[in-house]
Amino acid sequence: MQNLKCDIAVFGFGEITNMIIAKIVGEGLSVVCITNHVPFGMNHYTSNQVLFYSREEILGVNLSCEVSLVTWRNSKILIEESTDFYKWFNSDSFISLKNFFLSSASVYKDSHHPSTESKENLEASILQNPKFLLEEDLMRIMEKKNIRNCNLRISNVYGSTITQGFIGLIFRSLVTLNPVKRITGRGVYRDFVSVDDVSLAVIGLINCNQYAENVNISTGIPTSSDEVFEIFYRSGYCLNETQVPYMEESMKASVILNCDLLSSMLDWHPAPFADGISKAISSFRQVT
């Protein structure tokens, strides 16, 4: 077995993870990323303090890190308990002092009041929520391994290079001309936080000595979907809208996260949405 040490081990890879890794590297920290979805190939390599391994390659490694960061979307990898990777992840071949999981605001119920991390604010069907199920699975595994675990419940992330989420769909539609759904019949409000601020929060929590089992990463400020459309229109864009009626049984009207806990742990001053989205639109214009 190869013995490998790093500052940060990252499990999973995507647009948001890519931005977080860039910030981590900017702090002078070494990163090992374990993923089967690296866009530039499956073989591990070293570049700018980042070493990539596939889930198959990491089986031959004893990995020790200060902090681990899990970015998976659901528990599929952990449910497959007979897999070699699951056994490796649970074994002493993977050692970390503390772990963070990038969860989401989807675990919370519909509410016009900013939701704290309290269990009382979880949605009624929480046991069917993939992110929450993964929170529970990781907590169980990390407790067994004596690794301090924290779920980072992140509100709606946006950025000029982020294609996920409502704003990501708008940016993507400006290139593809695909229609963007506009909900009618009821105001829909979300808490939008820039990917730059999310990255700064993750870095801050990695370096923070305080601990909480769950931490919201958000602005705590509601923004309606209509406001988002209007900002893009005022910026000179013409969107291909398709109107869809609000359906209470399948849509949450308002999901806003209280960020008081995060503010008590860090010097947390996320960009107001108007400023953040203007910066993102400006960056988008430069590359399109």
Protein backbone atom coordinates (compact mmCIF):
# COMPACT_ATOMS: atom_id res chain seq x y z
CA MET A 1 0.00 0.00 0.00
CA GLN A 2 1.17 3.52 -0.82
CA ASN A 3 1.19 5.93 2.12
CA LEU A 4 -0.07 9.41 1.25
CA LYS A 5 -0.56 12.51 3.40
CA CYS A 6 -2.29 15.75 2.44
CA ASP A 7 -3.94 18.75 4.02
CA ILE A 8 -7.37 18.26 2.44
CA ALA A 9 -8.99 15.15 0.93
CA VAL A 10 -11.95 15.89 -1.33
CA PHE A 11 -14.45 13.17 -2.27
CA GLY A 12 -16.30 14.03 -5.48
CA PHE A 13 -15.79 16.66 -8.13
CA GLY A 14 -18.02 19.20 -9.87
CA GLU A 15 -18.37 22.88 -10.69
CA ILE A 16 -18.70 24.07 -7.10
CA THR A 17 -16.07 21.63 -5.83
CA ASN A 18 -13.68 22.87 -8.51
CA MET A 19 -14.04 26.45 -7.24
CA ILE A 20 -13.52 25.36 -3.62
CA ILE A 21 -10.40 23.38 -4.53
CA ALA A 22 -9.01 26.46 -6.30
CA LYS A 23 -9.50 28.49 -3.10
CA ILE A 24 -7.90 25.76 -0.98
CA VAL A 25 -4.87 25.65 -3.28
CA GLY A 26 -4.71 29.44 -3.07
CA GLU A 27 -4.22 29.03 0.68
CA GLY A 28 -1.12 26.94 -0.03
CA LEU A 29 -2.73 23.66 1.06
CA SER A 30 -2.26 20.29 -0.62
CA VAL A 31 -5.32 18.44 -1.96
CA VAL A 32 -6.10 14.86 -2.89
CA CYS A 33 -9.36 14.55 -4.84
CA ILE A 34 -11.02 11.13 -5.13
CA THR A 35 -13.44 11.01 -8.03
CA ASN A 36 -14.36 9.07 -11.15
CA HIS A 37 -15.59 12.21 -12.92
CA VAL A 38 -12.55 14.40 -13.51
CA PRO A 39 -13.10 16.01 -16.93
CA PHE A 40 -9.50 15.60 -18.02
CA GLY A 41 -9.03 11.88 -17.53
CA MET A 42 -9.14 9.18 -14.90
CA ASN A 43 -5.43 8.84 -14.16
CA HIS A 44 -4.09 10.59 -11.08
CA TYR A 45 -1.71 13.46 -11.65
CA THR A 46 -0.17 16.39 -9.83
CA SER A 47 -0.99 19.95 -10.83
CA ASN A 48 -1.04 23.06 -8.63
CA GLN A 49 -0.89 20.99 -5.43
CA VAL A 50 -3.81 18.77 -6.49
CA LEU A 51 -3.55 15.02 -6.89
CA PHE A 52 -6.47 13.13 -8.45
CA TYR A 53 -7.28 9.47 -7.84
CA SER A 54 -10.21 7.43 -9.06
CA ARG A 55 -12.17 5.39 -6.51
CA GLU A 56 -10.45 2.29 -7.91
CA GLU A 57 -6.94 3.76 -7.66
CA ILE A 58 -7.35 4.97 -4.08
CA LEU A 59 -7.87 1.38 -2.89
CA GLY A 60 -4.10 0.92 -2.99
CA VAL A 61 -3.45 3.98 -0.82
CA ASN A 62 -3.32 4.64 2.90
CA LEU A 63 -4.63 8.21 2.93
CA SER A 64 -4.14 10.50 5.91
CA CYS A 65 -5.39 14.11 5.94
CA GLU A 66 -6.15 16.94 8.32
CA VAL A 67 -9.59 17.60 6.84
CA SER A 68 -11.86 15.72 4.45
CA LEU A 69 -14.62 17.23 2.33
CA VAL A 70 -17.42 15.06 0.92
CA THR A 71 -19.37 16.49 -2.01
CA TRP A 72 -21.47 13.52 -3.15
CA ARG A 73 -25.11 14.13 -4.13
CA ASN A 74 -26.58 11.01 -2.55
CA SER A 75 -25.79 7.83 -0.62
CA LYS A 76 -25.46 5.55 -3.64
CA ILE A 77 -21.74 4.97 -3.08
CA LEU A 78 -22.29 4.22 0.61
CA ILE A 79 -25.37 2.08 0.10
CA GLU A 80 -23.32 -0.32 -2.01
CA GLU A 81 -21.76 -1.78 1.11
CA SER A 82 -20.18 -4.72 -0.69
CA THR A 83 -17.98 -2.49 -2.85
CA ASP A 84 -14.26 -2.27 -2.24
CA PHE A 85 -14.45 1.52 -2.05
CA TYR A 86 -17.05 1.40 0.72
CA LYS A 87 -14.81 -0.95 2.69
CA TRP A 88 -11.80 1.32 2.11
CA PHE A 89 -13.75 4.44 3.16
CA ASN A 90 -14.76 2.71 6.41
CA SER A 91 -11.32 1.31 7.13
CA ASP A 92 -8.17 2.70 8.73
CA SER A 93 -6.77 3.22 5.23
CA PHE A 94 -8.61 6.56 5.29
CA ILE A 95 -7.84 8.79 8.27
CA SER A 96 -9.01 12.37 8.85
CA LEU A 97 -9.30 14.63 11.88
CA LYS A 98 -12.52 16.32 10.76
CA ASN A 99 -14.96 15.99 7.89
CA PHE A 100 -17.31 18.43 6.16
CA PHE A 101 -20.21 17.37 3.95
CA LEU A 102 -21.61 19.75 1.34
CA SER A 103 -25.32 19.29 1.99
CA SER A 104 -28.10 21.60 0.81
CA ALA A 105 -31.07 23.78 1.72
CA SER A 106 -33.35 21.07 0.33
CA VAL A 107 -33.49 19.45 3.78
CA TYR A 108 -35.60 22.34 5.12
CA LYS A 109 -39.36 22.82 4.97
CA ASP A 110 -41.16 25.63 3.16
CA SER A 111 -41.04 28.75 5.35
CA HIS A 112 -41.02 32.51 4.85
CA HIS A 113 -38.90 32.81 8.00
CA PRO A 114 -35.16 32.03 7.74
CA SER A 115 -34.62 28.46 8.92
CA THR A 116 -32.05 27.76 11.61
CA GLU A 117 -30.24 24.42 11.80
CA SER A 118 -32.86 23.09 14.25
CA LYS A 119 -34.43 19.68 13.55
CA GLU A 120 -37.81 21.37 13.85
CA ASN A 121 -37.18 23.08 10.50
CA LEU A 122 -36.56 19.89 8.51
CA GLU A 123 -39.11 19.06 5.84
CA ALA A 124 -41.86 16.56 6.69
CA SER A 125 -40.62 13.99 4.14
CA ILE A 126 -37.01 14.29 5.31
CA LEU A 127 -36.44 10.52 5.29
CA GLN A 128 -36.90 10.59 1.50
CA ASN A 129 -34.40 13.42 1.03
CA PRO A 130 -31.14 12.14 -0.57
CA LYS A 131 -28.96 14.83 1.02
CA PHE A 132 -30.34 14.19 4.51
CA LEU A 133 -29.91 10.43 4.14
CA LEU A 134 -26.28 11.03 3.18
CA GLU A 135 -25.88 13.36 6.18
CA GLU A 136 -27.03 10.50 8.41
CA ASP A 137 -24.86 7.89 6.72
CA LEU A 138 -21.75 10.04 6.94
CA MET A 139 -22.43 10.96 10.57
CA ARG A 140 -22.68 7.27 11.45
CA ILE A 141 -19.45 6.40 9.64
CA MET A 142 -17.49 9.37 10.99
CA GLU A 143 -18.61 8.70 14.57
CA LYS A 144 -17.39 5.13 14.23
CA LYS A 145 -14.04 6.37 12.90
CA ASN A 146 -13.83 9.09 15.59
CA ILE A 147 -13.81 11.83 12.94
CA ARG A 148 -15.57 15.10 13.83
CA ASN A 149 -18.30 15.63 11.23
CA CYS A 150 -20.15 18.78 10.13
CA ASN A 151 -22.95 19.10 7.57
CA LEU A 152 -22.73 22.34 5.57
CA ARG A 153 -26.29 23.13 4.47
CA ILE A 154 -25.76 25.44 1.53
CA SER A 155 -28.45 27.66 0.01
CA ASN A 156 -28.83 28.24 -3.74
CA VAL A 157 -25.37 28.72 -5.23
CA TYR A 158 -24.71 30.86 -8.29
CA GLY A 159 -21.74 32.02 -10.33
CA SER A 160 -20.86 32.76 -13.95
CA THR A 161 -19.47 29.23 -14.45
CA ILE A 162 -22.11 27.38 -12.40
CA THR A 163 -24.72 25.61 -14.54
CA GLN A 164 -26.60 24.04 -11.62
CA GLY A 165 -29.64 25.59 -9.98
CA PHE A 166 -32.11 28.21 -11.13
CA ILE A 167 -29.58 30.92 -11.99
CA GLY A 168 -27.29 28.34 -13.58
CA LEU A 169 -30.15 27.35 -15.88
CA ILE A 170 -30.57 31.00 -16.91
CA PHE A 171 -26.88 31.37 -17.72
CA ARG A 172 -26.99 28.11 -19.66
CA SER A 173 -30.11 29.17 -21.57
CA LEU A 174 -28.34 32.33 -22.75
CA VAL A 175 -26.02 30.02 -24.67
CA THR A 176 -28.34 27.17 -25.66
CA LEU A 177 -31.54 29.28 -26.04
CA ASN A 178 -33.40 26.56 -24.15
CA PRO A 179 -36.51 27.81 -22.30
CA VAL A 180 -36.35 28.80 -18.64
CA LYS A 181 -39.36 28.09 -16.43
CA ARG A 182 -41.00 31.08 -14.76
CA ILE A 183 -43.37 30.15 -11.94
CA THR A 184 -46.70 31.97 -11.99
CA GLY A 185 -49.55 32.20 -9.49
CA ARG A 186 -47.36 32.61 -6.41
CA GLY A 187 -44.11 34.29 -5.48
CA VAL A 188 -41.18 31.89 -5.17
CA TYR A 189 -38.31 33.00 -2.93
CA ARG A 190 -34.83 31.58 -2.50
CA ASP A 191 -31.65 32.48 -0.64
CA PHE A 192 -28.94 32.94 -3.29
CA VAL A 193 -25.27 32.84 -2.27
CA SER A 194 -22.31 33.29 -4.62
CA VAL A 195 -19.90 30.41 -5.19
CA ASP A 196 -17.06 32.74 -4.17
CA ASP A 197 -18.67 33.27 -0.76
CA VAL A 198 -19.35 29.54 -0.37
CA SER A 199 -15.67 28.83 -1.04
CA LEU A 200 -14.60 31.43 1.52
CA ALA A 201 -16.99 29.94 4.10
CA VAL A 202 -15.60 26.43 3.55
CA ILE A 203 -12.02 27.69 3.91
CA GLY A 204 -12.98 29.61 7.04
CA LEU A 205 -14.63 26.58 8.63
CA ILE A 206 -11.68 24.35 7.75
CA ASN A 207 -9.47 26.71 9.76
CA CYS A 208 -12.03 27.32 12.52
CA ASN A 209 -11.63 25.69 15.93
CA GLN A 210 -15.32 25.98 16.76
CA TYR A 211 -17.59 23.02 16.01
CA ALA A 212 -21.24 22.49 15.12
CA GLU A 213 -22.96 19.40 13.75
CA ASN A 214 -24.87 21.43 11.13
CA VAL A 215 -24.04 24.87 9.72
CA ASN A 216 -26.03 26.91 7.18
CA ILE A 217 -24.05 28.71 4.48
CA SER A 218 -26.33 31.44 3.19
CA THR A 219 -27.13 35.14 3.09
CA GLY A 220 -30.40 34.91 5.03
CA ILE A 221 -31.99 37.27 2.48
CA PRO A 222 -34.95 36.23 0.29
CA THR A 223 -34.93 37.01 -3.43
CA SER A 224 -37.91 36.23 -5.66
CA SER A 225 -37.54 34.45 -8.98
CA ASP A 226 -39.26 37.46 -10.58
CA GLU A 227 -36.48 39.71 -9.25
CA VAL A 228 -33.88 37.42 -10.82
CA PHE A 229 -35.59 37.63 -14.21
CA GLU A 230 -35.78 41.41 -13.97
CA ILE A 231 -32.06 41.72 -13.19
CA PHE A 232 -31.18 39.79 -16.35
CA TYR A 233 -33.61 41.86 -18.41
CA ARG A 234 -32.13 45.09 -17.07
CA SER A 235 -28.71 43.75 -18.00
CA GLY A 236 -29.82 43.64 -21.63
CA TYR A 237 -30.61 39.95 -21.98
CA CYS A 238 -33.74 38.52 -23.60
CA LEU A 239 -34.73 35.24 -21.96
CA ASN A 240 -36.69 32.42 -23.52
CA GLU A 241 -39.35 32.11 -20.82
CA THR A 242 -41.93 29.41 -20.44
CA GLN A 243 -44.56 30.03 -17.78
CA VAL A 244 -45.40 27.22 -15.38
CA PRO A 245 -48.14 27.44 -12.73
CA TYR A 246 -47.11 27.05 -9.11
CA MET A 247 -47.81 23.54 -7.79
CA GLU A 248 -47.86 23.37 -4.01
CA GLU A 249 -47.41 19.60 -3.85
CA SER A 250 -44.10 19.67 -5.74
CA MET A 251 -42.66 23.15 -5.10
CA LYS A 252 -41.50 25.04 -2.04
CA ALA A 253 -42.57 28.67 -2.11
CA SER A 254 -39.82 29.95 0.17
CA VAL A 255 -36.57 28.44 1.45
CA ILE A 256 -34.37 30.96 3.29
CA LEU A 257 -31.56 29.94 5.64
CA ASN A 258 -30.61 31.70 8.84
CA CYS A 259 -26.82 32.26 8.88
CA ASP A 260 -26.44 33.50 12.48
CA LEU A 261 -24.49 30.40 13.53
CA LEU A 262 -22.00 30.81 10.69
CA SER A 263 -21.65 34.52 11.52
CA SER A 264 -20.80 33.59 15.12
CA MET A 265 -18.02 31.28 13.89
CA LEU A 266 -16.57 33.42 11.08
CA ASP A 267 -16.37 37.03 9.93
CA TRP A 268 -19.22 36.31 7.53
CA HIS A 269 -20.25 39.08 5.14
CA PRO A 270 -21.62 37.49 1.95
CA ALA A 271 -22.17 39.69 -1.08
CA PRO A 272 -25.70 41.10 -1.43
CA PHE A 273 -27.41 39.33 -4.30
CA ALA A 274 -27.61 42.47 -6.49
CA ASP A 275 -23.84 42.92 -6.24
CA GLY A 276 -22.98 39.24 -6.61
CA ILE A 277 -25.17 38.61 -9.63
CA SER A 278 -23.89 41.79 -11.34
CA LYS A 279 -20.34 40.49 -10.91
CA ALA A 280 -21.36 37.07 -12.25
CA ILE A 281 -23.11 38.58 -15.28
CA SER A 282 -20.03 40.72 -16.01
CA SER A 283 -17.79 37.64 -15.84
CA PHE A 284 -20.20 35.70 -18.05
CA ARG A 285 -20.09 38.44 -20.68
CA GLN A 286 -16.31 38.24 -20.85
CA VAL A 287 -16.32 34.57 -21.85
CA THR A 288 -19.33 34.50 -24.21
